[in-house]
Full PDB file with SEQRES, HELIX, SHEET, SSBOND, CRYST1, ORIGX, SCALE, CONECT and MASTER records, all heavy atoms in Angstrom:
SEQRES   1 A   35  GLU THR ILE GLY VAL GLU GLY MET ARG GLU ARG ALA LEU          
SEQRES   2 A   35  LEU VAL ASP GLY ARG LEU ALA ILE GLY PRO GLY PRO ARG          
SEQRES   3 A   35  GLY GLY THR ALA VAL VAL LEU GLU ILE                          
HELIX    1 AA1 ILE A    3  LEU A   14  1                                  12    
SHEET    1 AA1 2 ARG A  18  PRO A  23  0                                        
SHEET    2 AA1 2 THR A  29  GLU A  34 -1                                        
CRYST1    1.000    1.000    1.000  90.00  90.00  90.00 P 1           1          
ORIGX1      1.000000  0.000000  0.000000        0.00000                         
ORIGX2      0.000000  1.000000  0.000000        0.00000                         
ORIGX3      0.000000  0.000000  1.000000        0.00000                         
SCALE1      1.000000  0.000000  0.000000        0.00000                         
SCALE2      0.000000  1.000000  0.000000        0.00000                         
SCALE3      0.000000  0.000000  1.000000        0.00000                         
ATOM      1  N   GLU A   1       0.844  -1.186   0.000  1.00  0.00           N  
ATOM      2  CA  GLU A   1       0.000   0.000   0.000  1.00  0.00           C  
ATOM      3  C   GLU A   1       0.884   1.243   0.000  1.00  0.00           C  
ATOM      4  O   GLU A   1       1.296   1.718   1.064  1.00  0.00           O  
ATOM      5  CB  GLU A   1      -0.921  -0.024   1.238  1.00  0.00           C  
ATOM      6  CG  GLU A   1      -1.994  -1.094   1.172  1.00  0.00           C  
ATOM      7  CD  GLU A   1      -3.016  -0.816   0.085  1.00  0.00           C  
ATOM      8  OE1 GLU A   1      -3.660   0.240   0.114  1.00  0.00           O  
ATOM      9  OE2 GLU A   1      -3.150  -1.668  -0.803  1.00  0.00           O  
ATOM     10  N   THR A   2       1.232   1.751  -1.170  1.00  0.00           N  
ATOM     11  CA  THR A   2       2.004   2.975  -1.255  1.00  0.00           C  
ATOM     12  C   THR A   2       1.092   4.158  -0.979  1.00  0.00           C  
ATOM     13  O   THR A   2      -0.125   4.038  -0.862  1.00  0.00           O  
ATOM     14  CB  THR A   2       2.640   3.105  -2.641  1.00  0.00           C  
ATOM     15  OG1 THR A   2       1.588   3.209  -3.620  1.00  0.00           O  
ATOM     16  CG2 THR A   2       3.497   1.897  -2.964  1.00  0.00           C  
ATOM     17  N   ILE A   3       1.720   5.335  -0.898  1.00  0.00           N  
ATOM     18  CA  ILE A   3       0.929   6.541  -0.617  1.00  0.00           C  
ATOM     19  C   ILE A   3      -0.085   6.783  -1.727  1.00  0.00           C  
ATOM     20  O   ILE A   3      -1.236   7.135  -1.474  1.00  0.00           O  
ATOM     21  CB  ILE A   3       1.871   7.746  -0.447  1.00  0.00           C  
ATOM     22  CG1 ILE A   3       2.751   7.557   0.795  1.00  0.00           C  
ATOM     23  CG2 ILE A   3       1.070   9.036  -0.343  1.00  0.00           C  
ATOM     24  CD1 ILE A   3       3.743   8.669   1.010  1.00  0.00           C  
ATOM     25  N   GLY A   4       0.347   6.579  -2.983  1.00  0.00           N  
ATOM     26  CA  GLY A   4      -0.573   6.805  -4.092  1.00  0.00           C  
ATOM     27  C   GLY A   4      -1.736   5.835  -4.087  1.00  0.00           C  
ATOM     28  O   GLY A   4      -2.884   6.227  -4.279  1.00  0.00           O  
ATOM     29  N   VAL A   5      -1.454   4.543  -3.878  1.00  0.00           N  
ATOM     30  CA  VAL A   5      -2.514   3.541  -3.844  1.00  0.00           C  
ATOM     31  C   VAL A   5      -3.434   3.790  -2.656  1.00  0.00           C  
ATOM     32  O   VAL A   5      -4.669   3.701  -2.779  1.00  0.00           O  
ATOM     33  CB  VAL A   5      -1.900   2.127  -3.783  1.00  0.00           C  
ATOM     34  CG1 VAL A   5      -2.987   1.080  -3.583  1.00  0.00           C  
ATOM     35  CG2 VAL A   5      -1.110   1.834  -5.053  1.00  0.00           C  
ATOM     36  N   GLU A   6      -2.859   4.085  -1.514  1.00  0.00           N  
ATOM     37  CA  GLU A   6      -3.685   4.356  -0.337  1.00  0.00           C  
ATOM     38  C   GLU A   6      -4.574   5.577  -0.568  1.00  0.00           C  
ATOM     39  O   GLU A   6      -5.736   5.600  -0.157  1.00  0.00           O  
ATOM     40  CB  GLU A   6      -2.792   4.575   0.883  1.00  0.00           C  
ATOM     41  CG  GLU A   6      -3.558   4.787   2.182  1.00  0.00           C  
ATOM     42  CD  GLU A   6      -2.642   4.982   3.369  1.00  0.00           C  
ATOM     43  OE1 GLU A   6      -1.415   4.847   3.208  1.00  0.00           O  
ATOM     44  OE2 GLU A   6      -3.157   5.274   4.456  1.00  0.00           O  
ATOM     45  N   GLY A   7      -4.020   6.598  -1.239  1.00  0.00           N  
ATOM     46  CA  GLY A   7      -4.826   7.780  -1.533  1.00  0.00           C  
ATOM     47  C   GLY A   7      -5.992   7.454  -2.456  1.00  0.00           C  
ATOM     48  O   GLY A   7      -7.100   7.966  -2.275  1.00  0.00           O  
ATOM     49  N   MET A   8      -5.771   6.585  -3.447  1.00  0.00           N  
ATOM     50  CA  MET A   8      -6.857   6.186  -4.345  1.00  0.00           C  
ATOM     51  C   MET A   8      -7.932   5.420  -3.581  1.00  0.00           C  
ATOM     52  O   MET A   8      -9.135   5.624  -3.805  1.00  0.00           O  
ATOM     53  CB  MET A   8      -6.308   5.341  -5.489  1.00  0.00           C  
ATOM     54  CG  MET A   8      -5.529   6.126  -6.521  1.00  0.00           C  
ATOM     55  SD  MET A   8      -5.197   5.179  -8.052  1.00  0.00           S  
ATOM     56  CE  MET A   8      -3.981   4.000  -7.458  1.00  0.00           C  
ATOM     57  N   ARG A   9      -7.518   4.544  -2.672  1.00  0.00           N  
ATOM     58  CA  ARG A   9      -8.506   3.792  -1.889  1.00  0.00           C  
ATOM     59  C   ARG A   9      -9.309   4.721  -0.988  1.00  0.00           C  
ATOM     60  O   ARG A   9     -10.527   4.571  -0.839  1.00  0.00           O  
ATOM     61  CB  ARG A   9      -7.807   2.717  -1.050  1.00  0.00           C  
ATOM     62  CG  ARG A   9      -7.160   1.614  -1.870  1.00  0.00           C  
ATOM     63  CD  ARG A   9      -6.810   0.416  -1.009  1.00  0.00           C  
ATOM     64  NE  ARG A   9      -6.039  -0.567  -1.747  1.00  0.00           N  
ATOM     65  CZ  ARG A   9      -6.569  -1.440  -2.582  1.00  0.00           C  
ATOM     66  NH1 ARG A   9      -7.876  -1.456  -2.798  1.00  0.00           N  
ATOM     67  NH2 ARG A   9      -5.804  -2.321  -3.218  1.00  0.00           N  
ATOM     68  N   GLU A  10      -8.638   5.678  -0.369  1.00  0.00           N  
ATOM     69  CA  GLU A  10      -9.344   6.621   0.498  1.00  0.00           C  
ATOM     70  C   GLU A  10     -10.344   7.450  -0.303  1.00  0.00           C  
ATOM     71  O   GLU A  10     -11.469   7.703   0.160  1.00  0.00           O  
ATOM     72  CB  GLU A  10      -8.338   7.536   1.201  1.00  0.00           C  
ATOM     73  CG  GLU A  10      -7.470   6.847   2.238  1.00  0.00           C  
ATOM     74  CD  GLU A  10      -8.264   6.407   3.457  1.00  0.00           C  
ATOM     75  OE1 GLU A  10      -9.360   6.950   3.670  1.00  0.00           O  
ATOM     76  OE2 GLU A  10      -7.790   5.512   4.187  1.00  0.00           O  
ATOM     77  N   ARG A  11      -9.965   7.850  -1.495  1.00  0.00           N  
ATOM     78  CA  ARG A  11     -10.894   8.625  -2.325  1.00  0.00           C  
ATOM     79  C   ARG A  11     -12.079   7.774  -2.756  1.00  0.00           C  
ATOM     80  O   ARG A  11     -13.208   8.258  -2.819  1.00  0.00           O  
ATOM     81  CB  ARG A  11     -10.162   9.177  -3.553  1.00  0.00           C  
ATOM     82  CG  ARG A  11      -9.155  10.264  -3.220  1.00  0.00           C  
ATOM     83  CD  ARG A  11      -8.497  10.813  -4.467  1.00  0.00           C  
ATOM     84  NE  ARG A  11      -7.501  11.822  -4.135  1.00  0.00           N  
ATOM     85  CZ  ARG A  11      -7.769  13.100  -3.869  1.00  0.00           C  
ATOM     86  NH1 ARG A  11      -9.021  13.510  -3.901  1.00  0.00           N  
ATOM     87  NH2 ARG A  11      -6.808  13.947  -3.572  1.00  0.00           N  
ATOM     88  N   ALA A  12     -11.830   6.499  -3.067  1.00  0.00           N  
ATOM     89  CA  ALA A  12     -12.937   5.616  -3.447  1.00  0.00           C  
ATOM     90  C   ALA A  12     -13.935   5.475  -2.304  1.00  0.00           C  
ATOM     91  O   ALA A  12     -15.151   5.436  -2.521  1.00  0.00           O  
ATOM     92  CB  ALA A  12     -12.394   4.247  -3.858  1.00  0.00           C  
ATOM     93  N   LEU A  13     -13.437   5.417  -1.065  1.00  0.00           N  
ATOM     94  CA  LEU A  13     -14.334   5.284   0.084  1.00  0.00           C  
ATOM     95  C   LEU A  13     -15.238   6.501   0.247  1.00  0.00           C  
ATOM     96  O   LEU A  13     -16.336   6.381   0.793  1.00  0.00           O  
ATOM     97  CB  LEU A  13     -13.510   5.076   1.368  1.00  0.00           C  
ATOM     98  CG  LEU A  13     -12.858   3.704   1.539  1.00  0.00           C  
ATOM     99  CD1 LEU A  13     -11.995   3.690   2.802  1.00  0.00           C  
ATOM    100  CD2 LEU A  13     -13.910   2.615   1.622  1.00  0.00           C  
ATOM    101  N   LEU A  14     -14.777   7.651  -0.221  1.00  0.00           N  
ATOM    102  CA  LEU A  14     -15.583   8.865  -0.082  1.00  0.00           C  
ATOM    103  C   LEU A  14     -16.938   8.737  -0.765  1.00  0.00           C  
ATOM    104  O   LEU A  14     -17.921   9.330  -0.325  1.00  0.00           O  
ATOM    105  CB  LEU A  14     -14.834  10.065  -0.667  1.00  0.00           C  
ATOM    106  CG  LEU A  14     -13.654  10.608   0.125  1.00  0.00           C  
ATOM    107  CD1 LEU A  14     -13.032  11.763  -0.611  1.00  0.00           C  
ATOM    108  CD2 LEU A  14     -14.079  11.028   1.513  1.00  0.00           C  
ATOM    109  N   VAL A  15     -16.976   7.992  -1.865  1.00  0.00           N  
ATOM    110  CA  VAL A  15     -18.213   7.872  -2.649  1.00  0.00           C  
ATOM    111  C   VAL A  15     -18.723   6.429  -2.623  1.00  0.00           C  
ATOM    112  O   VAL A  15     -19.408   5.991  -3.551  1.00  0.00           O  
ATOM    113  CB  VAL A  15     -17.972   8.346  -4.097  1.00  0.00           C  
ATOM    114  CG1 VAL A  15     -17.781   9.856  -4.141  1.00  0.00           C  
ATOM    115  CG2 VAL A  15     -16.771   7.646  -4.712  1.00  0.00           C  
ATOM    116  N   ASP A  16     -18.358   5.687  -1.563  1.00  0.00           N  
ATOM    117  CA  ASP A  16     -18.784   4.285  -1.404  1.00  0.00           C  
ATOM    118  C   ASP A  16     -18.327   3.422  -2.572  1.00  0.00           C  
ATOM    119  O   ASP A  16     -19.013   2.471  -2.969  1.00  0.00           O  
ATOM    120  CB  ASP A  16     -20.313   4.188  -1.257  1.00  0.00           C  
ATOM    121  CG  ASP A  16     -20.802   4.859   0.010  1.00  0.00           C  
ATOM    122  OD1 ASP A  16     -20.054   4.845   1.003  1.00  0.00           O  
ATOM    123  OD2 ASP A  16     -21.919   5.411   0.008  1.00  0.00           O  
ATOM    124  N   GLY A  17     -17.181   3.768  -3.152  1.00  0.00           N  
ATOM    125  CA  GLY A  17     -16.678   3.028  -4.299  1.00  0.00           C  
ATOM    126  C   GLY A  17     -15.765   1.879  -3.889  1.00  0.00           C  
ATOM    127  O   GLY A  17     -15.353   1.755  -2.733  1.00  0.00           O  
ATOM    128  N   ARG A  18     -15.445   1.049  -4.862  1.00  0.00           N  
ATOM    129  CA  ARG A  18     -14.546  -0.095  -4.666  1.00  0.00           C  
ATOM    130  C   ARG A  18     -13.401   0.025  -5.661  1.00  0.00           C  
ATOM    131  O   ARG A  18     -13.623   0.181  -6.869  1.00  0.00           O  
ATOM    132  CB  ARG A  18     -15.282  -1.415  -4.879  1.00  0.00           C  
ATOM    133  CG  ARG A  18     -16.391  -1.661  -3.879  1.00  0.00           C  
ATOM    134  CD  ARG A  18     -17.075  -2.999  -4.139  1.00  0.00           C  
ATOM    135  NE  ARG A  18     -17.687  -3.049  -5.460  1.00  0.00           N  
ATOM    136  CZ  ARG A  18     -18.906  -2.578  -5.733  1.00  0.00           C  
ATOM    137  NH1 ARG A  18     -19.629  -2.019  -4.786  1.00  0.00           N  
ATOM    138  NH2 ARG A  18     -19.400  -2.670  -6.951  1.00  0.00           N  
ATOM    139  N   LEU A  19     -12.164  -0.060  -5.169  1.00  0.00           N  
ATOM    140  CA  LEU A  19     -10.983   0.048  -6.000  1.00  0.00           C  
ATOM    141  C   LEU A  19     -10.259  -1.295  -6.017  1.00  0.00           C  
ATOM    142  O   LEU A  19     -10.013  -1.886  -4.965  1.00  0.00           O  
ATOM    143  CB  LEU A  19     -10.037   1.129  -5.477  1.00  0.00           C  
ATOM    144  CG  LEU A  19      -8.779   1.362  -6.304  1.00  0.00           C  
ATOM    145  CD1 LEU A  19      -9.123   2.114  -7.580  1.00  0.00           C  
ATOM    146  CD2 LEU A  19      -7.743   2.136  -5.507  1.00  0.00           C  
ATOM    147  N   ALA A  20      -9.945  -1.782  -7.200  1.00  0.00           N  
ATOM    148  CA  ALA A  20      -9.225  -3.045  -7.357  1.00  0.00           C  
ATOM    149  C   ALA A  20      -8.007  -2.792  -8.231  1.00  0.00           C  
ATOM    150  O   ALA A  20      -8.104  -2.167  -9.290  1.00  0.00           O  
ATOM    151  CB  ALA A  20     -10.119  -4.110  -7.994  1.00  0.00           C  
ATOM    152  N   ILE A  21      -6.847  -3.276  -7.789  1.00  0.00           N  
ATOM    153  CA  ILE A  21      -5.601  -3.141  -8.534  1.00  0.00           C  
ATOM    154  C   ILE A  21      -4.989  -4.526  -8.671  1.00  0.00           C  
ATOM    155  O   ILE A  21      -4.782  -5.221  -7.673  1.00  0.00           O  
ATOM    156  CB  ILE A  21      -4.619  -2.192  -7.814  1.00  0.00           C  
ATOM    157  CG1 ILE A  21      -5.252  -0.815  -7.623  1.00  0.00           C  
ATOM    158  CG2 ILE A  21      -3.323  -2.077  -8.597  1.00  0.00           C  
ATOM    159  CD1 ILE A  21      -4.377   0.149  -6.864  1.00  0.00           C  
ATOM    160  N   GLY A  22      -4.730  -4.947  -9.896  1.00  0.00           N  
ATOM    161  CA  GLY A  22      -4.195  -6.283 -10.123  1.00  0.00           C  
ATOM    162  C   GLY A  22      -3.688  -6.422 -11.532  1.00  0.00           C  
ATOM    163  O   GLY A  22      -3.603  -5.441 -12.296  1.00  0.00           O  
ATOM    164  N   PRO A  23      -3.322  -7.628 -11.918  1.00  0.00           N  
ATOM    165  CA  PRO A  23      -2.830  -7.851 -13.284  1.00  0.00           C  
ATOM    166  C   PRO A  23      -3.929  -7.633 -14.320  1.00  0.00           C  
ATOM    167  O   PRO A  23      -5.109  -7.922 -14.081  1.00  0.00           O  
ATOM    168  CB  PRO A  23      -2.359  -9.315 -13.263  1.00  0.00           C  
ATOM    169  CG  PRO A  23      -2.998  -9.932 -12.082  1.00  0.00           C  
ATOM    170  CD  PRO A  23      -3.297  -8.849 -11.114  1.00  0.00           C  
ATOM    171  N   GLY A  24      -3.534  -7.112 -15.471  1.00  0.00           N  
ATOM    172  CA  GLY A  24      -4.473  -6.893 -16.557  1.00  0.00           C  
ATOM    173  C   GLY A  24      -4.775  -8.165 -17.312  1.00  0.00           C  
ATOM    174  O   GLY A  24      -4.131  -9.203 -17.104  1.00  0.00           O  
ATOM    175  N   PRO A  25      -5.751  -8.148 -18.201  1.00  0.00           N  
ATOM    176  CA  PRO A  25      -6.118  -9.359 -18.954  1.00  0.00           C  
ATOM    177  C   PRO A  25      -5.001  -9.852 -19.867  1.00  0.00           C  
ATOM    178  O   PRO A  25      -4.935 -11.040 -20.178  1.00  0.00           O  
ATOM    179  CB  PRO A  25      -7.348  -8.914 -19.760  1.00  0.00           C  
ATOM    180  CG  PRO A  25      -7.267  -7.433 -19.827  1.00  0.00           C  
ATOM    181  CD  PRO A  25      -6.595  -7.003 -18.552  1.00  0.00           C  
ATOM    182  N   ARG A  26      -4.117  -8.978 -20.289  1.00  0.00           N  
ATOM    183  CA  ARG A  26      -3.003  -9.360 -21.163  1.00  0.00           C  
ATOM    184  C   ARG A  26      -1.670  -8.919 -20.561  1.00  0.00           C  
ATOM    185  O   ARG A  26      -0.761  -8.495 -21.268  1.00  0.00           O  
ATOM    186  CB  ARG A  26      -3.180  -8.750 -22.550  1.00  0.00           C  
ATOM    187  CG  ARG A  26      -4.451  -9.208 -23.265  1.00  0.00           C  
ATOM    188  CD  ARG A  26      -4.554  -8.580 -24.642  1.00  0.00           C  
ATOM    189  NE  ARG A  26      -5.770  -9.015 -25.316  1.00  0.00           N  
ATOM    190  CZ  ARG A  26      -6.148  -8.575 -26.523  1.00  0.00           C  
ATOM    191  NH1 ARG A  26      -5.392  -7.692 -27.160  1.00  0.00           N  
ATOM    192  NH2 ARG A  26      -7.275  -9.005 -27.073  1.00  0.00           N  
ATOM    193  N   GLY A  27      -1.547  -9.062 -19.257  1.00  0.00           N  
ATOM    194  CA  GLY A  27      -0.343  -8.607 -18.590  1.00  0.00           C  
ATOM    195  C   GLY A  27      -0.485  -7.157 -18.164  1.00  0.00           C  
ATOM    196  O   GLY A  27      -1.529  -6.521 -18.338  1.00  0.00           O  
ATOM    197  N   GLY A  28       0.586  -6.617 -17.625  1.00  0.00           N  
ATOM    198  CA  GLY A  28       0.523  -5.244 -17.168  1.00  0.00           C  
ATOM    199  C   GLY A  28      -0.291  -5.131 -15.894  1.00  0.00           C  
ATOM    200  O   GLY A  28      -0.429  -6.080 -15.114  1.00  0.00           O  
ATOM    201  N   THR A  29      -0.865  -3.956 -15.687  1.00  0.00           N  
ATOM    202  CA  THR A  29      -1.631  -3.658 -14.473  1.00  0.00           C  
ATOM    203  C   THR A  29      -2.971  -3.070 -14.859  1.00  0.00           C  
ATOM    204  O   THR A  29      -3.073  -2.302 -15.813  1.00  0.00           O  
ATOM    205  CB  THR A  29      -0.860  -2.651 -13.586  1.00  0.00           C  
ATOM    206  OG1 THR A  29       0.437  -3.179 -13.297  1.00  0.00           O  
ATOM    207  CG2 THR A  29      -1.602  -2.410 -12.283  1.00  0.00           C  
ATOM    208  N   ALA A  30      -3.993  -3.447 -14.100  1.00  0.00           N  
ATOM    209  CA  ALA A  30      -5.342  -2.915 -14.303  1.00  0.00           C  
ATOM    210  C   ALA A  30      -5.810  -2.248 -13.011  1.00  0.00           C  
ATOM    211  O   ALA A  30      -5.753  -2.855 -11.942  1.00  0.00           O  
ATOM    212  CB  ALA A  30      -6.304  -4.031 -14.700  1.00  0.00           C  
ATOM    213  N   VAL A  31      -6.231  -1.021 -13.125  1.00  0.00           N  
ATOM    214  CA  VAL A  31      -6.832  -0.276 -12.012  1.00  0.00           C  
ATOM    215  C   VAL A  31      -8.310  -0.095 -12.339  1.00  0.00           C  
ATOM    216  O   VAL A  31      -8.647   0.507 -13.362  1.00  0.00           O  
ATOM    217  CB  VAL A  31      -6.141   1.086 -11.813  1.00  0.00           C  
ATOM    218  CG1 VAL A  31      -6.825   1.858 -10.693  1.00  0.00           C  
ATOM    219  CG2 VAL A  31      -4.663   0.889 -11.510  1.00  0.00           C  
ATOM    220  N   VAL A  32      -9.167  -0.610 -11.476  1.00  0.00           N  
ATOM    221  CA  VAL A  32     -10.607  -0.569 -11.720  1.00  0.00           C  
ATOM    222  C   VAL A  32     -11.283   0.103 -10.531  1.00  0.00           C  
ATOM    223  O   VAL A  32     -11.110  -0.321  -9.386  1.00  0.00           O  
ATOM    224  CB  VAL A  32     -11.199  -1.982 -11.927  1.00  0.00           C  
ATOM    225  CG1 VAL A  32     -12.698  -1.900 -12.153  1.00  0.00           C  
ATOM    226  CG2 VAL A  32     -10.506  -2.673 -13.097  1.00  0.00           C  
ATOM    227  N   LEU A  33     -12.045   1.133 -10.810  1.00  0.00           N  
ATOM    228  CA  LEU A  33     -12.822   1.846  -9.800  1.00  0.00           C  
ATOM    229  C   LEU A  33     -14.294   1.699 -10.150  1.00  0.00           C  
ATOM    230  O   LEU A  33     -14.707   2.050 -11.251  1.00  0.00           O  
ATOM    231  CB  LEU A  33     -12.429   3.331  -9.760  1.00  0.00           C  
ATOM    232  CG  LEU A  33     -13.294   4.225  -8.879  1.00  0.00           C  
ATOM    233  CD1 LEU A  33     -13.143   3.869  -7.401  1.00  0.00           C  
ATOM    234  CD2 LEU A  33     -12.969   5.705  -9.110  1.00  0.00           C  
ATOM    235  N   GLU A  34     -15.083   1.210  -9.199  1.00  0.00           N  
ATOM    236  CA  GLU A  34     -16.527   1.063  -9.378  1.00  0.00           C  
ATOM    237  C   GLU A  34     -17.257   1.872  -8.316  1.00  0.00           C  
ATOM    238  O   GLU A  34     -16.978   1.717  -7.119  1.00  0.00           O  
ATOM    239  CB  GLU A  34     -16.944  -0.416  -9.297  1.00  0.00           C  
ATOM    240  CG  GLU A  34     -16.402  -1.267 -10.447  1.00  0.00           C  
ATOM    241  CD  GLU A  34     -16.891  -2.684 -10.359  1.00  0.00           C  
ATOM    242  OE1 GLU A  34     -17.261  -3.119  -9.246  1.00  0.00           O  
ATOM    243  OE2 GLU A  34     -16.910  -3.380 -11.411  1.00  0.00           O  
ATOM    244  N   ILE A  35     -18.169   2.720  -8.784  1.00  0.00           N  
ATOM    245  CA  ILE A  35     -18.907   3.601  -7.880  1.00  0.00           C  
ATOM    246  C   ILE A  35     -20.402   3.381  -8.093  1.00  0.00           C  
ATOM    247  O   ILE A  35     -20.891   3.545  -9.216  1.00  0.00           O  
ATOM    248  CB  ILE A  35     -18.557   5.079  -8.146  1.00  0.00           C  
ATOM    249  CG1 ILE A  35     -17.057   5.315  -7.957  1.00  0.00           C  
ATOM    250  CG2 ILE A  35     -19.360   5.993  -7.225  1.00  0.00           C  
ATOM    251  CD1 ILE A  35     -16.628   6.714  -8.329  1.00  0.00           C  
TER     252      ILE A  35                                                      
MASTER        0    0    0    1    2    0    0    6  251    1    0    3          
END                                                                             
């Protein structure tokens, strides 16, 4: 949990959102925010 990732999670909580960070469908990284 870096400062940037933690900041994104805290912002998602502001609007009852869910943040997921993991591998992408073809490698790389996928950041998904659902509100």
